[in-house]
Amino acid sequence: MYLNVVQKFYEVAGMGRREEKREDLKARLLDAARDRIERDGLANLRARDVTQDAGCALGGLYSAYTDLNDLIIHVNSTTLKALEQSLALAEVKDKSPTDKLRNLGQGYLKFAMANRNLWKALFEHYPPEESPAPQWHLDEHLFLLSIIAEPLAELQPDMSAEDRAVRARTLFGAVHGIISITLEARFVGLPPERLGHELDEIITMIAAGAAAKRNA
């Protein structure tokens, strides 16, 4: 009986240490991949470079994550969490819906400028058809859209939830497009020094239009 208890103890302890090592490896690989993307961009990410930076063999990647695609999804997940924190939602919780939308726009711009390659990776990564993005990751994207939908609901309370979700995507697309073409130095982009102001103006105009339509 005593020997069985001791054996069980060591088995549990061994499993705990293995899990600990696996979690440590996952964290090192995640940090290495995020650093590589931040420095060199997603297009230049290579599994061998990541494992070398993490101090493990190439096979270590596949013991911690399904594949490089899975690792990129987890990097993008950390980027979405960082983006959410940068939006400073608590600072404007008692403000008008227009100010909430303006805050979201400026927070998004600030994050994109400070984390250019990580931000771009959110939109440049296309999982293979045989291994689509998991639902939990899709839900993270949808949560950010729901943040936009909240002040829209205040501006147009009679709008259906479905229409509001579509309008949130439309507004996000407009803001993202303005920022993207400017940061990528496209010929139709805005002068960088005018980007913040013009973004604020377009959001204010959209919000005013929504309020006017409600009061019409």
N, C-alpha and C. Protein backbone atom coordinates (compact mmCIF):
# COMPACT_ATOMS: atom_id res chain seq x y z
N MET A 1 0.84 -1.20 0.00
CA MET A 1 0.00 0.00 0.00
C MET A 1 0.87 1.26 0.00
N TYR A 2 1.88 1.24 0.88
CA TYR A 2 2.78 2.39 0.98
C TYR A 2 3.52 2.62 -0.32
N LEU A 3 4.00 1.50 -0.93
CA LEU A 3 4.74 1.61 -2.18
C LEU A 3 3.85 2.15 -3.30
N ASN A 4 2.58 1.74 -3.31
CA ASN A 4 1.64 2.24 -4.32
C ASN A 4 1.42 3.74 -4.18
N VAL A 5 1.32 4.21 -2.95
CA VAL A 5 1.12 5.64 -2.69
C VAL A 5 2.34 6.43 -3.15
N VAL A 6 3.52 5.91 -2.84
CA VAL A 6 4.76 6.59 -3.24
C VAL A 6 4.88 6.63 -4.76
N GLN A 7 4.58 5.51 -5.40
CA GLN A 7 4.65 5.44 -6.86
C GLN A 7 3.68 6.44 -7.49
N LYS A 8 2.47 6.50 -6.96
CA LYS A 8 1.48 7.44 -7.46
C LYS A 8 1.95 8.88 -7.29
N PHE A 9 2.58 9.14 -6.17
CA PHE A 9 3.08 10.49 -5.89
C PHE A 9 4.10 10.91 -6.95
N TYR A 10 5.04 10.01 -7.23
CA TYR A 10 6.08 10.33 -8.21
C TYR A 10 5.52 10.44 -9.63
N GLU A 11 4.49 9.66 -9.92
CA GLU A 11 3.85 9.75 -11.24
C GLU A 11 3.18 11.11 -11.41
N VAL A 12 2.46 11.54 -10.38
CA VAL A 12 1.79 12.83 -10.42
C VAL A 12 2.81 13.97 -10.49
N ALA A 13 3.87 13.83 -9.68
CA ALA A 13 4.92 14.85 -9.69
C ALA A 13 5.59 14.93 -11.05
N GLY A 14 5.83 13.78 -11.65
CA GLY A 14 6.45 13.74 -12.97
C GLY A 14 5.57 14.39 -14.03
N MET A 15 4.26 14.12 -13.96
CA MET A 15 3.33 14.73 -14.90
C MET A 15 3.30 16.24 -14.72
N GLY A 16 3.37 16.68 -13.48
CA GLY A 16 3.37 18.11 -13.18
C GLY A 16 4.59 18.80 -13.76
N ARG A 17 5.77 18.15 -13.62
CA ARG A 17 7.00 18.73 -14.15
C ARG A 17 6.98 18.77 -15.68
N ARG A 18 6.44 17.72 -16.29
CA ARG A 18 6.36 17.71 -17.75
C ARG A 18 5.44 18.82 -18.26
N GLU A 19 4.32 18.99 -17.58
CA GLU A 19 3.38 20.05 -17.97
C GLU A 19 4.01 21.43 -17.78
N GLU A 20 4.78 21.55 -16.68
CA GLU A 20 5.48 22.80 -16.41
C GLU A 20 6.46 23.13 -17.52
N LYS A 21 7.22 22.11 -17.95
CA LYS A 21 8.20 22.30 -19.02
C LYS A 21 7.51 22.64 -20.33
N ARG A 22 6.38 22.00 -20.59
CA ARG A 22 5.65 22.27 -21.83
C ARG A 22 5.12 23.71 -21.84
N GLU A 23 4.59 24.16 -20.71
CA GLU A 23 4.08 25.52 -20.63
C GLU A 23 5.22 26.53 -20.78
N ASP A 24 6.37 26.20 -20.22
CA ASP A 24 7.54 27.08 -20.36
C ASP A 24 7.97 27.15 -21.82
N LEU A 25 7.97 26.00 -22.50
CA LEU A 25 8.33 25.97 -23.91
C LEU A 25 7.33 26.77 -24.74
N LYS A 26 6.04 26.62 -24.45
CA LYS A 26 5.01 27.37 -25.17
C LYS A 26 5.24 28.87 -25.02
N ALA A 27 5.56 29.29 -23.80
CA ALA A 27 5.77 30.72 -23.54
C ALA A 27 6.99 31.24 -24.29
N ARG A 28 8.07 30.44 -24.30
CA ARG A 28 9.29 30.86 -25.01
C ARG A 28 9.07 30.95 -26.51
N LEU A 29 8.35 29.99 -27.06
CA LEU A 29 8.05 30.01 -28.49
C LEU A 29 7.14 31.19 -28.84
N LEU A 30 6.18 31.46 -27.98
CA LEU A 30 5.26 32.57 -28.20
C LEU A 30 6.02 33.89 -28.20
N ASP A 31 6.89 34.07 -27.21
CA ASP A 31 7.69 35.30 -27.13
C ASP A 31 8.60 35.43 -28.34
N ALA A 32 9.22 34.32 -28.74
CA ALA A 32 10.14 34.34 -29.88
C ALA A 32 9.42 34.70 -31.16
N ALA A 33 8.25 34.10 -31.38
CA ALA A 33 7.47 34.38 -32.59
C ALA A 33 6.98 35.82 -32.60
N ARG A 34 6.52 36.30 -31.45
CA ARG A 34 6.04 37.68 -31.38
C ARG A 34 7.18 38.67 -31.65
N ASP A 35 8.36 38.38 -31.09
CA ASP A 35 9.50 39.26 -31.31
C ASP A 35 9.92 39.27 -32.78
N ARG A 36 9.89 38.10 -33.41
CA ARG A 36 10.25 38.00 -34.84
C ARG A 36 9.27 38.78 -35.70
N ILE A 37 7.98 38.61 -35.42
CA ILE A 37 6.96 39.32 -36.20
C ILE A 37 7.09 40.82 -36.00
N GLU A 38 7.30 41.22 -34.76
CA GLU A 38 7.42 42.64 -34.44
C GLU A 38 8.62 43.26 -35.16
N ARG A 39 9.69 42.50 -35.26
CA ARG A 39 10.91 43.03 -35.87
C ARG A 39 10.93 42.91 -37.40
N ASP A 40 10.52 41.74 -37.92
CA ASP A 40 10.69 41.44 -39.34
C ASP A 40 9.40 41.32 -40.13
N GLY A 41 8.25 41.29 -39.47
CA GLY A 41 6.98 41.13 -40.15
C GLY A 41 6.59 39.67 -40.30
N LEU A 42 5.30 39.42 -40.48
CA LEU A 42 4.79 38.06 -40.56
C LEU A 42 5.34 37.30 -41.76
N ALA A 43 5.50 37.98 -42.89
CA ALA A 43 5.95 37.31 -44.12
C ALA A 43 7.32 36.68 -43.96
N ASN A 44 8.12 37.17 -43.03
CA ASN A 44 9.47 36.66 -42.84
C ASN A 44 9.59 35.67 -41.68
N LEU A 45 8.45 35.27 -41.12
CA LEU A 45 8.48 34.34 -39.99
C LEU A 45 8.80 32.93 -40.47
N ARG A 46 9.79 32.30 -39.86
CA ARG A 46 10.20 30.94 -40.19
C ARG A 46 10.28 30.10 -38.92
N ALA A 47 9.80 28.87 -39.01
CA ALA A 47 9.77 27.99 -37.84
C ALA A 47 11.17 27.77 -37.26
N ARG A 48 12.16 27.59 -38.12
CA ARG A 48 13.53 27.34 -37.64
C ARG A 48 14.07 28.54 -36.87
N ASP A 49 13.77 29.73 -37.34
CA ASP A 49 14.22 30.94 -36.64
C ASP A 49 13.58 31.04 -35.26
N VAL A 50 12.29 30.74 -35.22
CA VAL A 50 11.55 30.83 -33.95
C VAL A 50 12.10 29.84 -32.93
N THR A 51 12.28 28.58 -33.35
CA THR A 51 12.78 27.57 -32.41
C THR A 51 14.21 27.86 -31.99
N GLN A 52 15.00 28.41 -32.90
CA GLN A 52 16.37 28.79 -32.53
C GLN A 52 16.35 29.88 -31.47
N ASP A 53 15.50 30.88 -31.67
CA ASP A 53 15.39 31.97 -30.68
C ASP A 53 14.87 31.46 -29.34
N ALA A 54 13.98 30.46 -29.40
CA ALA A 54 13.40 29.91 -28.16
C ALA A 54 14.33 28.92 -27.48
N GLY A 55 15.41 28.53 -28.16
CA GLY A 55 16.38 27.60 -27.58
C GLY A 55 15.89 26.17 -27.54
N CYS A 56 15.21 25.74 -28.60
CA CYS A 56 14.73 24.37 -28.65
C CYS A 56 14.90 23.82 -30.06
N ALA A 57 14.76 22.50 -30.20
CA ALA A 57 14.83 21.87 -31.52
C ALA A 57 13.57 22.19 -32.30
N LEU A 58 13.65 22.02 -33.62
CA LEU A 58 12.50 22.29 -34.47
C LEU A 58 11.28 21.48 -34.04
N GLY A 59 11.49 20.27 -33.62
CA GLY A 59 10.38 19.42 -33.19
C GLY A 59 9.68 19.95 -31.95
N GLY A 60 10.39 20.79 -31.19
CA GLY A 60 9.77 21.36 -29.99
C GLY A 60 8.55 22.19 -30.30
N LEU A 61 8.56 22.84 -31.48
CA LEU A 61 7.40 23.64 -31.88
C LEU A 61 6.15 22.79 -31.95
N TYR A 62 6.32 21.57 -32.50
CA TYR A 62 5.16 20.72 -32.75
C TYR A 62 4.73 19.92 -31.52
N SER A 63 5.53 20.00 -30.46
CA SER A 63 5.10 19.41 -29.20
C SER A 63 4.35 20.42 -28.34
N ALA A 64 4.54 21.71 -28.65
CA ALA A 64 3.89 22.77 -27.88
C ALA A 64 2.66 23.32 -28.62
N TYR A 65 2.76 23.41 -29.95
CA TYR A 65 1.66 23.91 -30.78
C TYR A 65 1.42 22.92 -31.92
N THR A 66 0.25 23.02 -32.50
CA THR A 66 -0.07 22.11 -33.61
C THR A 66 0.91 22.30 -34.76
N ASP A 67 1.16 23.56 -35.10
CA ASP A 67 2.09 23.92 -36.18
C ASP A 67 2.35 25.41 -36.10
N LEU A 68 3.08 25.94 -37.09
CA LEU A 68 3.40 27.37 -37.09
C LEU A 68 2.13 28.22 -37.19
N ASN A 69 1.15 27.74 -37.94
CA ASN A 69 -0.12 28.44 -38.06
C ASN A 69 -0.78 28.61 -36.69
N ASP A 70 -0.78 27.57 -35.90
CA ASP A 70 -1.35 27.61 -34.55
C ASP A 70 -0.60 28.61 -33.68
N LEU A 71 0.72 28.63 -33.81
CA LEU A 71 1.53 29.57 -33.03
C LEU A 71 1.20 31.01 -33.42
N ILE A 72 1.04 31.27 -34.71
CA ILE A 72 0.70 32.62 -35.17
C ILE A 72 -0.65 33.06 -34.61
N ILE A 73 -1.61 32.14 -34.57
CA ILE A 73 -2.92 32.45 -34.00
C ILE A 73 -2.79 32.88 -32.55
N HIS A 74 -1.93 32.19 -31.80
CA HIS A 74 -1.74 32.56 -30.39
C HIS A 74 -1.02 33.91 -30.26
N VAL A 75 -0.09 34.19 -31.17
CA VAL A 75 0.54 35.52 -31.17
C VAL A 75 -0.51 36.59 -31.44
N ASN A 76 -1.34 36.36 -32.44
CA ASN A 76 -2.40 37.32 -32.77
C ASN A 76 -3.38 37.50 -31.62
N SER A 77 -3.58 36.43 -30.86
CA SER A 77 -4.46 36.52 -29.70
C SER A 77 -3.88 37.49 -28.67
N THR A 78 -2.58 37.40 -28.43
CA THR A 78 -1.94 38.34 -27.47
C THR A 78 -2.00 39.76 -28.01
N THR A 79 -1.91 39.91 -29.33
CA THR A 79 -2.00 41.25 -29.93
C THR A 79 -3.39 41.83 -29.73
N LEU A 80 -4.42 41.02 -29.91
CA LEU A 80 -5.79 41.50 -29.70
C LEU A 80 -6.02 41.91 -28.25
N LYS A 81 -5.46 41.16 -27.32
CA LYS A 81 -5.59 41.52 -25.89
C LYS A 81 -4.89 42.84 -25.61
N ALA A 82 -3.70 43.03 -26.21
CA ALA A 82 -2.97 44.28 -26.02
C ALA A 82 -3.73 45.44 -26.66
N LEU A 83 -4.35 45.19 -27.80
CA LEU A 83 -5.15 46.22 -28.47
C LEU A 83 -6.32 46.63 -27.60
N GLU A 84 -6.99 45.65 -27.03
CA GLU A 84 -8.13 45.96 -26.16
C GLU A 84 -7.72 46.85 -24.99
N GLN A 85 -6.56 46.56 -24.40
CA GLN A 85 -6.07 47.36 -23.28
C GLN A 85 -5.74 48.78 -23.71
N SER A 86 -5.26 48.94 -24.95
CA SER A 86 -4.86 50.26 -25.42
C SER A 86 -6.04 51.17 -25.72
N LEU A 87 -7.23 50.60 -25.82
CA LEU A 87 -8.40 51.40 -26.18
C LEU A 87 -8.91 52.26 -25.03
N ALA A 88 -8.40 52.03 -23.83
CA ALA A 88 -8.74 52.85 -22.67
C ALA A 88 -10.24 53.01 -22.49
N LEU A 89 -10.94 51.89 -22.48
CA LEU A 89 -12.40 51.91 -22.42
C LEU A 89 -12.92 52.52 -21.12
N ALA A 90 -12.21 52.25 -20.01
CA ALA A 90 -12.68 52.73 -18.71
C ALA A 90 -12.67 54.25 -18.63
N GLU A 91 -11.79 54.88 -19.38
CA GLU A 91 -11.65 56.34 -19.31
C GLU A 91 -12.85 57.08 -19.88
N VAL A 92 -13.61 56.43 -20.74
CA VAL A 92 -14.73 57.12 -21.40
C VAL A 92 -16.06 56.44 -21.15
N LYS A 93 -16.13 55.59 -20.15
CA LYS A 93 -17.37 54.83 -19.91
C LYS A 93 -18.56 55.73 -19.62
N ASP A 94 -18.30 56.93 -19.08
CA ASP A 94 -19.39 57.86 -18.77
C ASP A 94 -19.51 58.98 -19.80
N LYS A 95 -18.78 58.88 -20.90
CA LYS A 95 -18.80 59.91 -21.94
C LYS A 95 -19.94 59.66 -22.93
N SER A 96 -20.11 60.59 -23.83
CA SER A 96 -21.14 60.46 -24.87
C SER A 96 -20.74 59.35 -25.84
N PRO A 97 -21.72 58.80 -26.57
CA PRO A 97 -21.38 57.76 -27.55
C PRO A 97 -20.41 58.26 -28.62
N THR A 98 -20.52 59.52 -28.98
CA THR A 98 -19.59 60.09 -29.96
C THR A 98 -18.17 60.09 -29.43
N ASP A 99 -18.01 60.50 -28.17
CA ASP A 99 -16.68 60.51 -27.57
C ASP A 99 -16.13 59.09 -27.40
N LYS A 100 -17.01 58.15 -27.15
CA LYS A 100 -16.57 56.76 -27.04
C LYS A 100 -16.01 56.27 -28.37
N LEU A 101 -16.71 56.60 -29.46
CA LEU A 101 -16.25 56.20 -30.78
C LEU A 101 -14.95 56.91 -31.15
N ARG A 102 -14.84 58.18 -30.80
CA ARG A 102 -13.61 58.93 -31.07
C ARG A 102 -12.45 58.32 -30.30
N ASN A 103 -12.71 57.93 -29.07
CA ASN A 103 -11.67 57.30 -28.24
C ASN A 103 -11.21 55.98 -28.86
N LEU A 104 -12.17 55.21 -29.37
CA LEU A 104 -11.83 53.95 -30.02
C LEU A 104 -10.95 54.19 -31.25
N GLY A 105 -11.31 55.19 -32.03
CA GLY A 105 -10.55 55.49 -33.23
C GLY A 105 -9.12 55.91 -32.93
N GLN A 106 -8.97 56.79 -31.95
CA GLN A 106 -7.63 57.26 -31.58
C GLN A 106 -6.81 56.16 -30.92
N GLY A 107 -7.47 55.32 -30.12
CA GLY A 107 -6.76 54.21 -29.49
C GLY A 107 -6.29 53.20 -30.52
N TYR A 108 -7.13 52.97 -31.52
CA TYR A 108 -6.76 52.03 -32.58
C TYR A 108 -5.59 52.57 -33.39
N LEU A 109 -5.63 53.84 -33.71
CA LEU A 109 -4.53 54.48 -34.44
C LEU A 109 -3.23 54.42 -33.64
N LYS A 110 -3.31 54.76 -32.37
CA LYS A 110 -2.12 54.75 -31.52
C LYS A 110 -1.50 53.36 -31.47
N PHE A 111 -2.34 52.35 -31.34
CA PHE A 111 -1.84 50.98 -31.28
C PHE A 111 -1.20 50.57 -32.61
N ALA A 112 -1.86 50.90 -33.71
CA ALA A 112 -1.34 50.53 -35.03
C ALA A 112 0.03 51.17 -35.28
N MET A 113 0.19 52.42 -34.88
CA MET A 113 1.45 53.11 -35.11
C MET A 113 2.56 52.57 -34.22
N ALA A 114 2.21 52.17 -33.01
CA ALA A 114 3.23 51.69 -32.07
C ALA A 114 3.58 50.23 -32.28
N ASN A 115 2.70 49.48 -32.93
CA ASN A 115 2.90 48.03 -33.09
C ASN A 115 2.63 47.64 -34.53
N ARG A 116 3.31 48.30 -35.45
CA ARG A 116 2.98 48.20 -36.87
C ARG A 116 2.91 46.76 -37.38
N ASN A 117 3.97 45.99 -37.17
CA ASN A 117 4.01 44.63 -37.74
C ASN A 117 3.07 43.67 -37.03
N LEU A 118 2.93 43.80 -35.71
CA LEU A 118 1.99 42.94 -35.00
C LEU A 118 0.56 43.25 -35.41
N TRP A 119 0.28 44.52 -35.59
CA TRP A 119 -1.06 44.95 -36.05
C TRP A 119 -1.34 44.41 -37.44
N LYS A 120 -0.38 44.53 -38.35
CA LYS A 120 -0.57 44.04 -39.72
C LYS A 120 -0.77 42.53 -39.74
N ALA A 121 -0.10 41.82 -38.83
CA ALA A 121 -0.21 40.36 -38.79
C ALA A 121 -1.63 39.90 -38.52
N LEU A 122 -2.42 40.72 -37.84
CA LEU A 122 -3.82 40.37 -37.58
C LEU A 122 -4.60 40.21 -38.88
N PHE A 123 -4.19 40.92 -39.92
CA PHE A 123 -4.93 40.92 -41.18
C PHE A 123 -4.18 40.21 -42.30
N GLU A 124 -2.91 39.93 -42.08
CA GLU A 124 -2.11 39.26 -43.11
C GLU A 124 -2.13 37.74 -42.96
N HIS A 125 -2.54 37.26 -41.80
CA HIS A 125 -2.49 35.82 -41.57
C HIS A 125 -3.77 35.15 -42.08
N TYR A 126 -3.61 34.23 -43.00
CA TYR A 126 -4.74 33.47 -43.54
C TYR A 126 -4.51 31.99 -43.24
N PRO A 127 -5.21 31.45 -42.24
CA PRO A 127 -5.04 30.02 -41.91
C PRO A 127 -5.41 29.15 -43.11
N PRO A 128 -4.74 28.03 -43.28
CA PRO A 128 -5.08 27.12 -44.39
C PRO A 128 -6.50 26.58 -44.23
N GLU A 129 -7.12 26.22 -45.36
CA GLU A 129 -8.50 25.75 -45.34
C GLU A 129 -8.68 24.52 -44.46
N GLU A 130 -7.65 23.67 -44.44
CA GLU A 130 -7.77 22.44 -43.65
C GLU A 130 -7.56 22.68 -42.15
N SER A 131 -7.14 23.91 -41.80
CA SER A 131 -6.92 24.21 -40.39
C SER A 131 -7.38 25.64 -40.10
N PRO A 132 -8.69 25.88 -40.14
CA PRO A 132 -9.21 27.24 -39.95
C PRO A 132 -8.99 27.75 -38.52
N ALA A 133 -9.12 29.05 -38.36
CA ALA A 133 -8.96 29.65 -37.03
C ALA A 133 -10.01 29.07 -36.08
N PRO A 134 -9.62 28.73 -34.85
CA PRO A 134 -10.59 28.17 -33.89
C PRO A 134 -11.62 29.21 -33.48
N GLN A 135 -12.75 28.74 -33.00
CA GLN A 135 -13.84 29.63 -32.64
C GLN A 135 -13.44 30.61 -31.55
N TRP A 136 -12.63 30.17 -30.59
CA TRP A 136 -12.25 31.08 -29.50
C TRP A 136 -11.49 32.29 -30.03
N HIS A 137 -10.73 32.09 -31.12
CA HIS A 137 -9.99 33.22 -31.69
C HIS A 137 -10.93 34.13 -32.49
N LEU A 138 -11.88 33.54 -33.20
CA LEU A 138 -12.88 34.34 -33.91
C LEU A 138 -13.69 35.17 -32.93
N ASP A 139 -13.98 34.58 -31.77
CA ASP A 139 -14.75 35.30 -30.74
C ASP A 139 -13.98 36.52 -30.23
N GLU A 140 -12.64 36.43 -30.20
CA GLU A 140 -11.83 37.58 -29.77
C GLU A 140 -11.99 38.74 -30.74
N HIS A 141 -12.02 38.44 -32.03
CA HIS A 141 -12.24 39.49 -33.04
C HIS A 141 -13.64 40.07 -32.90
N LEU A 142 -14.63 39.20 -32.70
CA LEU A 142 -16.02 39.67 -32.59
C LEU A 142 -16.23 40.51 -31.35
N PHE A 143 -15.47 40.22 -30.29
CA PHE A 143 -15.59 41.01 -29.07
C PHE A 143 -15.20 42.46 -29.33
N LEU A 144 -14.14 42.66 -30.10
CA LEU A 144 -13.72 44.02 -30.41
C LEU A 144 -14.78 44.75 -31.23
N LEU A 145 -15.44 44.02 -32.13
CA LEU A 145 -16.52 44.64 -32.90
C LEU A 145 -17.70 44.99 -32.00
N SER A 146 -17.92 44.17 -30.97
CA SER A 146 -19.02 44.46 -30.04
C SER A 146 -18.75 45.73 -29.25
N ILE A 147 -17.47 46.06 -29.04
CA ILE A 147 -17.11 47.31 -28.36
C ILE A 147 -17.56 48.51 -29.19
N ILE A 148 -17.42 48.39 -30.51
CA ILE A 148 -17.87 49.47 -31.40
C ILE A 148 -19.39 49.54 -31.43
N ALA A 149 -20.03 48.39 -31.35
CA ALA A 149 -21.49 48.35 -31.44
C ALA A 149 -22.16 49.02 -30.24
N GLU A 150 -21.52 49.04 -29.09
CA GLU A 150 -22.15 49.60 -27.88
C GLU A 150 -22.51 51.07 -28.05
N PRO A 151 -21.57 51.95 -28.42
CA PRO A 151 -21.97 53.36 -28.60
C PRO A 151 -22.91 53.54 -29.79
N LEU A 152 -22.83 52.68 -30.78
CA LEU A 152 -23.77 52.75 -31.90
C LEU A 152 -25.20 52.51 -31.41
N ALA A 153 -25.33 51.62 -30.44
CA ALA A 153 -26.65 51.33 -29.87
C ALA A 153 -27.21 52.56 -29.15
N GLU A 154 -26.32 53.37 -28.57
CA GLU A 154 -26.77 54.60 -27.91
C GLU A 154 -27.20 55.64 -28.94
N LEU A 155 -26.49 55.67 -30.07
CA LEU A 155 -26.81 56.65 -31.11
C LEU A 155 -28.09 56.30 -31.86
N GLN A 156 -28.29 55.00 -32.10
CA GLN A 156 -29.47 54.54 -32.83
C GLN A 156 -30.08 53.34 -32.12
N PRO A 157 -30.78 53.59 -31.02
CA PRO A 157 -31.32 52.49 -30.21
C PRO A 157 -32.38 51.64 -30.93
N ASP A 158 -32.99 52.19 -31.99
CA ASP A 158 -34.02 51.43 -32.71
C ASP A 158 -33.43 50.47 -33.75
N MET A 159 -32.15 50.55 -33.98
CA MET A 159 -31.51 49.67 -34.96
C MET A 159 -31.48 48.25 -34.42
N SER A 160 -31.75 47.27 -35.26
CA SER A 160 -31.72 45.87 -34.83
C SER A 160 -30.29 45.45 -34.52
N ALA A 161 -30.18 44.40 -33.70
CA ALA A 161 -28.85 43.91 -33.33
C ALA A 161 -28.06 43.47 -34.56
N GLU A 162 -28.76 42.87 -35.51
CA GLU A 162 -28.09 42.41 -36.74
C GLU A 162 -27.56 43.59 -37.54
N ASP A 163 -28.39 44.61 -37.70
CA ASP A 163 -27.96 45.80 -38.46
C ASP A 163 -26.83 46.52 -37.73
N ARG A 164 -26.92 46.54 -36.42
CA ARG A 164 -25.88 47.22 -35.64
C ARG A 164 -24.54 46.50 -35.77
N ALA A 165 -24.57 45.17 -35.81
CA ALA A 165 -23.34 44.40 -35.98
C ALA A 165 -22.71 44.69 -37.34
N VAL A 166 -23.56 44.80 -38.36
CA VAL A 166 -23.06 45.13 -39.71
C VAL A 166 -22.49 46.54 -39.73
N ARG A 167 -23.19 47.48 -39.08
CA ARG A 167 -22.72 48.87 -39.06
C ARG A 167 -21.39 48.97 -38.31
N ALA A 168 -21.22 48.17 -37.27
CA ALA A 168 -19.95 48.17 -36.53
C ALA A 168 -18.81 47.71 -37.44
N ARG A 169 -19.07 46.70 -38.26
CA ARG A 169 -18.06 46.23 -39.22
C ARG A 169 -17.76 47.32 -40.26
N THR A 170 -18.82 48.02 -40.68
CA THR A 170 -18.63 49.09 -41.67
C THR A 170 -17.76 50.20 -41.10
N LEU A 171 -18.06 50.61 -39.88
CA LEU A 171 -17.29 51.68 -39.24
C LEU A 171 -15.85 51.24 -39.01
N PHE A 172 -15.68 50.01 -38.56
CA PHE A 172 -14.33 49.51 -38.37
C PHE A 172 -13.56 49.50 -39.69
N GLY A 173 -14.23 49.04 -40.76
CA GLY A 173 -13.59 49.00 -42.07
C GLY A 173 -13.15 50.38 -42.53
N ALA A 174 -13.99 51.38 -42.25
CA ALA A 174 -13.66 52.75 -42.65
C ALA A 174 -12.43 53.25 -41.89
N VAL A 175 -12.43 53.06 -40.58
CA VAL A 175 -11.31 53.52 -39.75
C VAL A 175 -10.04 52.76 -40.10
N HIS A 176 -10.16 51.45 -40.21
CA HIS A 176 -8.99 50.63 -40.54
C HIS A 176 -8.42 51.01 -41.91
N GLY A 177 -9.31 51.23 -42.87
CA GLY A 177 -8.86 51.58 -44.21
C GLY A 177 -8.10 52.90 -44.24
N ILE A 178 -8.60 53.89 -43.54
CA ILE A 178 -7.94 55.20 -43.48
C ILE A 178 -6.54 55.06 -42.89
N ILE A 179 -6.46 54.30 -41.79
CA ILE A 179 -5.16 54.12 -41.13
C ILE A 179 -4.22 53.31 -42.02
N SER A 180 -4.75 52.24 -42.59
CA SER A 180 -3.91 51.32 -43.37
C SER A 180 -3.29 51.99 -44.59
N ILE A 181 -4.09 52.68 -45.39
CA ILE A 181 -3.54 53.27 -46.61
C ILE A 181 -2.56 54.40 -46.29
N THR A 182 -2.72 55.02 -45.12
CA THR A 182 -1.79 56.08 -44.74
C THR A 182 -0.47 55.49 -44.23
N LEU A 183 -0.55 54.50 -43.34
CA LEU A 183 0.66 53.91 -42.80
C LEU A 183 1.44 53.14 -43.85
N GLU A 184 0.75 52.66 -44.87
CA GLU A 184 1.44 51.95 -45.95
C GLU A 184 1.92 52.91 -47.04
N ALA A 185 1.73 54.20 -46.79
CA ALA A 185 2.21 55.26 -47.70
C ALA A 185 1.63 55.11 -49.10
N ARG A 186 0.36 54.70 -49.18
CA ARG A 186 -0.30 54.65 -50.48
C ARG A 186 -0.53 56.08 -50.99
N PHE A 187 -0.60 56.24 -52.30
CA PHE A 187 -0.70 57.59 -52.86
C PHE A 187 -2.00 58.28 -52.48
N VAL A 188 -3.02 57.50 -52.11
CA VAL A 188 -4.29 58.12 -51.70
C VAL A 188 -4.36 58.30 -50.19
N GLY A 189 -3.28 57.94 -49.51
CA GLY A 189 -3.27 58.08 -48.05
C GLY A 189 -3.19 59.53 -47.62
N LEU A 190 -3.48 59.75 -46.36
CA LEU A 190 -3.44 61.10 -45.80
C LEU A 190 -2.02 61.49 -45.43
N PRO A 191 -1.72 62.78 -45.36
CA PRO A 191 -0.45 63.20 -44.79
C PRO A 191 -0.39 62.69 -43.34
N PRO A 192 0.67 62.02 -42.96
CA PRO A 192 0.73 61.42 -41.61
C PRO A 192 0.38 62.37 -40.48
N GLU A 193 0.80 63.64 -40.64
CA GLU A 193 0.54 64.61 -39.57
C GLU A 193 -0.94 64.99 -39.47
N ARG A 194 -1.72 64.66 -40.50
CA ARG A 194 -3.15 64.97 -40.48
C ARG A 194 -4.01 63.76 -40.13
N LEU A 195 -3.39 62.60 -40.01
CA LEU A 195 -4.15 61.36 -39.85
C LEU A 195 -5.05 61.37 -38.61
N GLY A 196 -4.49 61.70 -37.46
CA GLY A 196 -5.27 61.69 -36.22
C GLY A 196 -6.45 62.63 -36.29
N HIS A 197 -6.22 63.84 -36.80
CA HIS A 197 -7.29 64.84 -36.88
C HIS A 197 -8.39 64.40 -37.83
N GLU A 198 -8.00 63.93 -39.02
CA GLU A 198 -8.99 63.53 -40.01
C GLU A 198 -9.79 62.31 -39.55
N LEU A 199 -9.13 61.41 -38.86
CA LEU A 199 -9.82 60.24 -38.32
C LEU A 199 -10.87 60.68 -37.31
N ASP A 200 -10.50 61.62 -36.47
CA ASP A 200 -11.43 62.15 -35.48
C ASP A 200 -12.61 62.84 -36.15
N GLU A 201 -12.34 63.57 -37.22
CA GLU A 201 -13.39 64.29 -37.93
C GLU A 201 -14.38 63.33 -38.59
N ILE A 202 -13.87 62.30 -39.24
CA ILE A 202 -14.77 61.38 -39.95
C ILE A 202 -15.64 60.60 -38.97
N ILE A 203 -15.09 60.23 -37.83
CA ILE A 203 -15.88 59.52 -36.82
C ILE A 203 -16.96 60.45 -36.25
N THR A 204 -16.60 61.69 -36.00
CA THR A 204 -17.56 62.67 -35.49
C THR A 204 -18.70 62.88 -36.49
N MET A 205 -18.36 62.96 -37.78
CA MET A 205 -19.37 63.13 -38.82
C MET A 205 -20.30 61.93 -38.90
N ILE A 206 -19.75 60.73 -38.81
CA ILE A 206 -20.57 59.52 -38.86
C ILE A 206 -21.52 59.48 -37.66
N ALA A 207 -20.98 59.81 -36.47
CA ALA A 207 -21.80 59.81 -35.27
C ALA A 207 -22.91 60.87 -35.35
N ALA A 208 -22.58 62.04 -35.90
CA ALA A 208 -23.58 63.10 -36.04
C ALA A 208 -24.66 62.68 -37.02
N GLY A 209 -24.28 61.99 -38.07
CA GLY A 209 -25.25 61.52 -39.04
C GLY A 209 -26.19 60.50 -38.43
N ALA A 210 -25.64 59.62 -37.60
CA ALA A 210 -26.45 58.61 -36.94
C ALA A 210 -27.44 59.27 -35.97
N ALA A 211 -26.97 60.27 -35.24
CA ALA A 211 -27.84 60.97 -34.28
C ALA A 211 -28.95 61.72 -35.02
N ALA A 212 -28.58 62.35 -36.15
CA ALA A 212 -29.57 63.10 -36.93
C ALA A 212 -30.63 62.19 -37.49
N LYS A 213 -30.22 61.02 -37.92
CA LYS A 213 -31.18 60.06 -38.48
C LYS A 213 -32.15 59.58 -37.40
N ARG A 214 -31.63 59.44 -36.18
CA ARG A 214 -32.50 59.01 -35.07
C ARG A 214 -33.53 60.08 -34.75
N ASN A 215 -33.12 61.34 -34.83
CA ASN A 215 -34.01 62.45 -34.45
C ASN A 215 -34.91 62.93 -35.59
N ALA A 216 -34.69 62.40 -36.80
CA ALA A 216 -35.46 62.85 -37.95
C ALA A 216 -36.94 62.45 -37.83
